[in-house]
Amino acid sequence: MAVSERLAHSGGNVALNDISDEKLRAEVDLLNDEGFTAYAIPGDLSNSASAGIVARESLQRLDGMDYLINNAG
């Protein structure tokens, strides 16, 4: 999650994804508590339908996207 923290500290709004909803929400809560804008978008990126939902929801919440960093695995 270091990349998302760095982007947030640089002024970016971030949408984070993880298959683990609990872990995801904890990271997003930390960023939001620090005053940054972060969204939790849970989903399994190994499933194409779920990946599509994650992508669409990210675009909607962020009102567009400047960078996409894939770090699944």
PDB file of N, CA and C in Angstrom:
ATOM      1  N   MET A   1       0.805  -1.195   0.000  1.00  0.00           N
ATOM      2  CA  MET A   1       0.000   0.000   0.000  1.00  0.00           C
ATOM      3  C   MET A   1       0.852   1.264   0.000  1.00  0.00           C
ATOM      4  N   ALA A   2       2.159   1.100  -0.051  1.00  0.00           N
ATOM      5  CA  ALA A   2       3.053   2.257  -0.040  1.00  0.00           C
ATOM      6  C   ALA A   2       2.813   3.175  -1.236  1.00  0.00           C
ATOM      7  N   VAL A   3       2.482   2.606  -2.379  1.00  0.00           N
ATOM      8  CA  VAL A   3       2.244   3.425  -3.570  1.00  0.00           C
ATOM      9  C   VAL A   3       1.007   4.295  -3.373  1.00  0.00           C
ATOM     10  N   SER A   4      -0.050   3.722  -2.836  1.00  0.00           N
ATOM     11  CA  SER A   4      -1.274   4.510  -2.617  1.00  0.00           C
ATOM     12  C   SER A   4      -1.027   5.615  -1.599  1.00  0.00           C
ATOM     13  N   GLU A   5      -0.250   5.330  -0.576  1.00  0.00           N
ATOM     14  CA  GLU A   5       0.071   6.353   0.412  1.00  0.00           C
ATOM     15  C   GLU A   5       0.878   7.477  -0.233  1.00  0.00           C
ATOM     16  N   ARG A   6       1.829   7.121  -1.057  1.00  0.00           N
ATOM     17  CA  ARG A   6       2.665   8.131  -1.723  1.00  0.00           C
ATOM     18  C   ARG A   6       1.815   9.009  -2.649  1.00  0.00           C
ATOM     19  N   LEU A   7       0.916   8.374  -3.410  1.00  0.00           N
ATOM     20  CA  LEU A   7       0.040   9.140  -4.302  1.00  0.00           C
ATOM     21  C   LEU A   7      -0.868  10.077  -3.513  1.00  0.00           C
ATOM     22  N   ALA A   8      -1.427   9.574  -2.418  1.00  0.00           N
ATOM     23  CA  ALA A   8      -2.299  10.405  -1.587  1.00  0.00           C
ATOM     24  C   ALA A   8      -1.527  11.588  -1.012  1.00  0.00           C
ATOM     25  N   HIS A   9      -0.324  11.338  -0.521  1.00  0.00           N
ATOM     26  CA  HIS A   9       0.502  12.415   0.040  1.00  0.00           C
ATOM     27  C   HIS A   9       0.915  13.427  -1.025  1.00  0.00           C
ATOM     28  N   SER A  10       0.879  13.018  -2.291  1.00  0.00           N
ATOM     29  CA  SER A  10       1.214  13.916  -3.401  1.00  0.00           C
ATOM     30  C   SER A  10      -0.011  14.663  -3.931  1.00  0.00           C
ATOM     31  N   GLY A  11      -1.166  14.452  -3.289  1.00  0.00           N
ATOM     32  CA  GLY A  11      -2.369  15.176  -3.676  1.00  0.00           C
ATOM     33  C   GLY A  11      -3.363  14.382  -4.500  1.00  0.00           C
ATOM     34  N   GLY A  12      -3.075  13.121  -4.741  1.00  0.00           N
ATOM     35  CA  GLY A  12      -3.976  12.305  -5.547  1.00  0.00           C
ATOM     36  C   GLY A  12      -5.099  11.686  -4.734  1.00  0.00           C
ATOM     37  N   ASN A  13      -6.222  11.481  -5.392  1.00  0.00           N
ATOM     38  CA  ASN A  13      -7.308  10.683  -4.833  1.00  0.00           C
ATOM     39  C   ASN A  13      -7.069   9.259  -5.304  1.00  0.00           C
ATOM     40  N   VAL A  14      -7.283   8.285  -4.434  1.00  0.00           N
ATOM     41  CA  VAL A  14      -6.947   6.912  -4.783  1.00  0.00           C
ATOM     42  C   VAL A  14      -8.129   5.967  -4.568  1.00  0.00           C
ATOM     43  N   ALA A  15      -8.216   4.976  -5.437  1.00  0.00           N
ATOM     44  CA  ALA A  15      -9.175   3.887  -5.291  1.00  0.00           C
ATOM     45  C   ALA A  15      -8.346   2.628  -5.116  1.00  0.00           C
ATOM     46  N   LEU A  16      -8.554   1.942  -4.006  1.00  0.00           N
ATOM     47  CA  LEU A  16      -7.786   0.742  -3.701  1.00  0.00           C
ATOM     48  C   LEU A  16      -8.654  -0.500  -3.875  1.00  0.00           C
ATOM     49  N   ASN A  17      -8.027  -1.550  -4.321  1.00  0.00           N
ATOM     50  CA  ASN A  17      -8.721  -2.820  -4.511  1.00  0.00           C
ATOM     51  C   ASN A  17      -7.962  -3.916  -3.793  1.00  0.00           C
ATOM     52  N   ASP A  18      -8.712  -4.834  -3.208  1.00  0.00           N
ATOM     53  CA  ASP A  18      -8.149  -6.038  -2.610  1.00  0.00           C
ATOM     54  C   ASP A  18      -9.257  -7.067  -2.541  1.00  0.00           C
ATOM     55  N   ILE A  19      -8.867  -8.324  -2.578  1.00  0.00           N
ATOM     56  CA  ILE A  19      -9.855  -9.391  -2.436  1.00  0.00           C
ATOM     57  C   ILE A  19     -10.315  -9.495  -0.981  1.00  0.00           C
ATOM     58  N   SER A  20      -9.457  -9.052  -0.054  1.00  0.00           N
ATOM     59  CA  SER A  20      -9.769  -9.068   1.371  1.00  0.00           C
ATOM     60  C   SER A  20     -10.414  -7.747   1.758  1.00  0.00           C
ATOM     61  N   ASP A  21     -11.700  -7.768   1.979  1.00  0.00           N
ATOM     62  CA  ASP A  21     -12.436  -6.542   2.307  1.00  0.00           C
ATOM     63  C   ASP A  21     -11.940  -5.933   3.609  1.00  0.00           C
ATOM     64  N   GLU A  22     -11.630  -6.751   4.599  1.00  0.00           N
ATOM     65  CA  GLU A  22     -11.189  -6.253   5.900  1.00  0.00           C
ATOM     66  C   GLU A  22      -9.854  -5.507   5.786  1.00  0.00           C
ATOM     67  N   LYS A  23      -8.897  -6.097   5.099  1.00  0.00           N
ATOM     68  CA  LYS A  23      -7.589  -5.469   4.913  1.00  0.00           C
ATOM     69  C   LYS A  23      -7.715  -4.175   4.102  1.00  0.00           C
ATOM     70  N   LEU A  24      -8.543  -4.228   3.077  1.00  0.00           N
ATOM     71  CA  LEU A  24      -8.766  -3.073   2.212  1.00  0.00           C
ATOM     72  C   LEU A  24      -9.352  -1.905   2.993  1.00  0.00           C
ATOM     73  N   ARG A  25     -10.385  -2.163   3.737  1.00  0.00           N
ATOM     74  CA  ARG A  25     -11.056  -1.091   4.487  1.00  0.00           C
ATOM     75  C   ARG A  25     -10.133  -0.486   5.543  1.00  0.00           C
ATOM     76  N   ALA A  26      -9.281  -1.310   6.139  1.00  0.00           N
ATOM     77  CA  ALA A  26      -8.338  -0.790   7.133  1.00  0.00           C
ATOM     78  C   ALA A  26      -7.386   0.219   6.495  1.00  0.00           C
ATOM     79  N   GLU A  27      -6.866  -0.080   5.317  1.00  0.00           N
ATOM     80  CA  GLU A  27      -5.950   0.834   4.632  1.00  0.00           C
ATOM     81  C   GLU A  27      -6.664   2.116   4.197  1.00  0.00           C
ATOM     82  N   VAL A  28      -7.861   1.964   3.656  1.00  0.00           N
ATOM     83  CA  VAL A  28      -8.632   3.136   3.221  1.00  0.00           C
ATOM     84  C   VAL A  28      -8.989   4.007   4.423  1.00  0.00           C
ATOM     85  N   ASP A  29      -9.359   3.390   5.524  1.00  0.00           N
ATOM     86  CA  ASP A  29      -9.674   4.157   6.736  1.00  0.00           C
ATOM     87  C   ASP A  29      -8.460   4.954   7.213  1.00  0.00           C
ATOM     88  N   LEU A  30      -7.273   4.344   7.155  1.00  0.00           N
ATOM     89  CA  LEU A  30      -6.058   5.057   7.554  1.00  0.00           C
ATOM     90  C   LEU A  30      -5.836   6.295   6.691  1.00  0.00           C
ATOM     91  N   LEU A  31      -5.973   6.131   5.390  1.00  0.00           N
ATOM     92  CA  LEU A  31      -5.790   7.275   4.485  1.00  0.00           C
ATOM     93  C   LEU A  31      -6.844   8.351   4.719  1.00  0.00           C
ATOM     94  N   ASN A  32      -8.097   7.938   4.837  1.00  0.00           N
ATOM     95  CA  ASN A  32      -9.176   8.908   5.066  1.00  0.00           C
ATOM     96  C   ASN A  32      -9.004   9.617   6.407  1.00  0.00           C
ATOM     97  N   ASP A  33      -8.558   8.894   7.439  1.00  0.00           N
ATOM     98  CA  ASP A  33      -8.339   9.502   8.747  1.00  0.00           C
ATOM     99  C   ASP A  33      -7.229  10.557   8.705  1.00  0.00           C
ATOM    100  N   GLU A  34      -6.297  10.404   7.756  1.00  0.00           N
ATOM    101  CA  GLU A  34      -5.223  11.386   7.591  1.00  0.00           C
ATOM    102  C   GLU A  34      -5.665  12.574   6.731  1.00  0.00           C
ATOM    103  N   GLY A  35      -6.920  12.554   6.259  1.00  0.00           N
ATOM    104  CA  GLY A  35      -7.454  13.661   5.487  1.00  0.00           C
ATOM    105  C   GLY A  35      -7.372  13.490   3.982  1.00  0.00           C
ATOM    106  N   PHE A  36      -6.978  12.312   3.518  1.00  0.00           N
ATOM    107  CA  PHE A  36      -6.884  12.053   2.090  1.00  0.00           C
ATOM    108  C   PHE A  36      -8.182  11.447   1.574  1.00  0.00           C
ATOM    109  N   THR A  37      -8.377  11.484   0.266  1.00  0.00           N
ATOM    110  CA  THR A  37      -9.546  10.872  -0.352  1.00  0.00           C
ATOM    111  C   THR A  37      -9.156   9.508  -0.893  1.00  0.00           C
ATOM    112  N   ALA A  38      -9.731   8.481  -0.294  1.00  0.00           N
ATOM    113  CA  ALA A  38      -9.448   7.110  -0.712  1.00  0.00           C
ATOM    114  C   ALA A  38     -10.741   6.316  -0.712  1.00  0.00           C
ATOM    115  N   TYR A  39     -10.894   5.468  -1.709  1.00  0.00           N
ATOM    116  CA  TYR A  39     -12.093   4.646  -1.851  1.00  0.00           C
ATOM    117  C   TYR A  39     -11.714   3.175  -1.803  1.00  0.00           C
ATOM    118  N   ALA A  40     -12.537   2.387  -1.139  1.00  0.00           N
ATOM    119  CA  ALA A  40     -12.361   0.938  -1.069  1.00  0.00           C
ATOM    120  C   ALA A  40     -13.248   0.292  -2.123  1.00  0.00           C
ATOM    121  N   ILE A  41     -12.633  -0.479  -3.009  1.00  0.00           N
ATOM    122  CA  ILE A  41     -13.382  -1.163  -4.050  1.00  0.00           C
ATOM    123  C   ILE A  41     -12.969  -2.636  -4.033  1.00  0.00           C
ATOM    124  N   PRO A  42     -13.662  -3.442  -3.225  1.00  0.00           N
ATOM    125  CA  PRO A  42     -13.287  -4.850  -3.121  1.00  0.00           C
ATOM    126  C   PRO A  42     -13.635  -5.623  -4.386  1.00  0.00           C
ATOM    127  N   GLY A  43     -12.853  -6.655  -4.652  1.00  0.00           N
ATOM    128  CA  GLY A  43     -13.131  -7.507  -5.801  1.00  0.00           C
ATOM    129  C   GLY A  43     -11.961  -8.413  -6.120  1.00  0.00           C
ATOM    130  N   ASP A  44     -12.250  -9.461  -6.853  1.00  0.00           N
ATOM    131  CA  ASP A  44     -11.263 -10.460  -7.254  1.00  0.00           C
ATOM    132  C   ASP A  44     -10.814 -10.183  -8.680  1.00  0.00           C
ATOM    133  N   LEU A  45      -9.598  -9.673  -8.854  1.00  0.00           N
ATOM    134  CA  LEU A  45      -9.121  -9.318 -10.180  1.00  0.00           C
ATOM    135  C   LEU A  45      -8.779 -10.525 -11.044  1.00  0.00           C
ATOM    136  N   SER A  46      -8.791 -11.728 -10.471  1.00  0.00           N
ATOM    137  CA  SER A  46      -8.562 -12.919 -11.287  1.00  0.00           C
ATOM    138  C   SER A  46      -9.831 -13.331 -12.029  1.00  0.00           C
ATOM    139  N   ASN A  47     -10.940 -12.682 -11.704  1.00  0.00           N
ATOM    140  CA  ASN A  47     -12.225 -12.928 -12.354  1.00  0.00           C
ATOM    141  C   ASN A  47     -12.535 -11.730 -13.247  1.00  0.00           C
ATOM    142  N   SER A  48     -12.679 -11.957 -14.536  1.00  0.00           N
ATOM    143  CA  SER A  48     -12.839 -10.836 -15.474  1.00  0.00           C
ATOM    144  C   SER A  48     -14.089 -10.005 -15.196  1.00  0.00           C
ATOM    145  N   ALA A  49     -15.176 -10.632 -14.808  1.00  0.00           N
ATOM    146  CA  ALA A  49     -16.396  -9.870 -14.510  1.00  0.00           C
ATOM    147  C   ALA A  49     -16.170  -8.965 -13.299  1.00  0.00           C
ATOM    148  N   SER A  50     -15.537  -9.500 -12.263  1.00  0.00           N
ATOM    149  CA  SER A  50     -15.240  -8.719 -11.069  1.00  0.00           C
ATOM    150  C   SER A  50     -14.255  -7.597 -11.380  1.00  0.00           C
ATOM    151  N   ALA A  51     -13.264  -7.882 -12.208  1.00  0.00           N
ATOM    152  CA  ALA A  51     -12.284  -6.865 -12.593  1.00  0.00           C
ATOM    153  C   ALA A  51     -12.961  -5.708 -13.333  1.00  0.00           C
ATOM    154  N   GLY A  52     -13.925  -6.031 -14.178  1.00  0.00           N
ATOM    155  CA  GLY A  52     -14.665  -4.991 -14.888  1.00  0.00           C
ATOM    156  C   GLY A  52     -15.449  -4.109 -13.940  1.00  0.00           C
ATOM    157  N   ILE A  53     -16.047  -4.709 -12.940  1.00  0.00           N
ATOM    158  CA  ILE A  53     -16.805  -3.943 -11.942  1.00  0.00           C
ATOM    159  C   ILE A  53     -15.867  -3.029 -11.167  1.00  0.00           C
ATOM    160  N   VAL A  54     -14.709  -3.544 -10.775  1.00  0.00           N
ATOM    161  CA  VAL A  54     -13.727  -2.744 -10.049  1.00  0.00           C
ATOM    162  C   VAL A  54     -13.297  -1.549 -10.903  1.00  0.00           C
ATOM    163  N   ALA A  55     -13.011  -1.792 -12.173  1.00  0.00           N
ATOM    164  CA  ALA A  55     -12.578  -0.713 -13.069  1.00  0.00           C
ATOM    165  C   ALA A  55     -13.662   0.354 -13.225  1.00  0.00           C
ATOM    166  N   ARG A  56     -14.900  -0.068 -13.475  1.00  0.00           N
ATOM    167  CA  ARG A  56     -15.995   0.887 -13.661  1.00  0.00           C
ATOM    168  C   ARG A  56     -16.243   1.701 -12.392  1.00  0.00           C
ATOM    169  N   GLU A  57     -16.258   1.023 -11.260  1.00  0.00           N
ATOM    170  CA  GLU A  57     -16.531   1.735 -10.008  1.00  0.00           C
ATOM    171  C   GLU A  57     -15.397   2.711  -9.682  1.00  0.00           C
ATOM    172  N   SER A  58     -14.169   2.316  -9.964  1.00  0.00           N
ATOM    173  CA  SER A  58     -13.031   3.216  -9.740  1.00  0.00           C
ATOM    174  C   SER A  58     -13.161   4.467 -10.590  1.00  0.00           C
ATOM    175  N   LEU A  59     -13.483   4.288 -11.859  1.00  0.00           N
ATOM    176  CA  LEU A  59     -13.645   5.433 -12.760  1.00  0.00           C
ATOM    177  C   LEU A  59     -14.768   6.355 -12.297  1.00  0.00           C
ATOM    178  N   GLN A  60     -15.862   5.771 -11.842  1.00  0.00           N
ATOM    179  CA  GLN A  60     -16.989   6.583 -11.372  1.00  0.00           C
ATOM    180  C   GLN A  60     -16.622   7.376 -10.125  1.00  0.00           C
ATOM    181  N   ARG A  61     -16.029   6.709  -9.161  1.00  0.00           N
ATOM    182  CA  ARG A  61     -15.719   7.390  -7.900  1.00  0.00           C
ATOM    183  C   ARG A  61     -14.639   8.449  -8.059  1.00  0.00           C
ATOM    184  N   LEU A  62     -13.674   8.186  -8.931  1.00  0.00           N
ATOM    185  CA  LEU A  62     -12.578   9.132  -9.121  1.00  0.00           C
ATOM    186  C   LEU A  62     -12.886  10.162 -10.197  1.00  0.00           C
ATOM    187  N   ASP A  63     -13.991   9.985 -10.899  1.00  0.00           N
ATOM    188  CA  ASP A  63     -14.365  10.870 -12.008  1.00  0.00           C
ATOM    189  C   ASP A  63     -13.251  10.920 -13.055  1.00  0.00           C
ATOM    190  N   GLY A  64     -12.769   9.737 -13.415  1.00  0.00           N
ATOM    191  CA  GLY A  64     -11.674   9.610 -14.368  1.00  0.00           C
ATOM    192  C   GLY A  64     -10.467   8.997 -13.691  1.00  0.00           C
ATOM    193  N   MET A  65      -9.418   8.814 -14.457  1.00  0.00           N
ATOM    194  CA  MET A  65      -8.228   8.183 -13.899  1.00  0.00           C
ATOM    195  C   MET A  65      -6.998   8.695 -14.636  1.00  0.00           C
ATOM    196  N   ASP A  66      -6.013   9.120 -13.870  1.00  0.00           N
ATOM    197  CA  ASP A  66      -4.753   9.575 -14.457  1.00  0.00           C
ATOM    198  C   ASP A  66      -3.705   8.464 -14.489  1.00  0.00           C
ATOM    199  N   TYR A  67      -3.708   7.604 -13.474  1.00  0.00           N
ATOM    200  CA  TYR A  67      -2.741   6.507 -13.376  1.00  0.00           C
ATOM    201  C   TYR A  67      -3.461   5.242 -12.962  1.00  0.00           C
ATOM    202  N   LEU A  68      -2.974   4.123 -13.471  1.00  0.00           N
ATOM    203  CA  LEU A  68      -3.468   2.822 -13.062  1.00  0.00           C
ATOM    204  C   LEU A  68      -2.253   1.985 -12.709  1.00  0.00           C
ATOM    205  N   ILE A  69      -2.232   1.501 -11.486  1.00  0.00           N
ATOM    206  CA  ILE A  69      -1.121   0.660 -11.030  1.00  0.00           C
ATOM    207  C   ILE A  69      -1.696  -0.687 -10.655  1.00  0.00           C
ATOM    208  N   ASN A  70      -1.315  -1.705 -11.401  1.00  0.00           N
ATOM    209  CA  ASN A  70      -1.752  -3.068 -11.110  1.00  0.00           C
ATOM    210  C   ASN A  70      -0.664  -3.756 -10.300  1.00  0.00           C
ATOM    211  N   ASN A  71      -1.059  -4.245  -9.142  1.00  0.00           N
ATOM    212  CA  ASN A  71      -0.112  -4.922  -8.282  1.00  0.00           C
ATOM    213  C   ASN A  71      -0.788  -6.127  -7.647  1.00  0.00           C
ATOM    214  N   ALA A  72      -1.429  -6.928  -8.476  1.00  0.00           N
ATOM    215  CA  ALA A  72      -2.137  -8.104  -7.978  1.00  0.00           C
ATOM    216  C   ALA A  72      -1.189  -9.298  -7.966  1.00  0.00           C
ATOM    217  N   GLY A  73      -1.409 -10.145  -6.993  1.00  0.00           N
ATOM    218  CA  GLY A  73      -0.601 -11.377  -7.001  1.00  0.00           C
ATOM    219  C   GLY A  73      -0.152 -11.803  -5.666  1.00  0.00           C
TER     220      GLY A  73
END
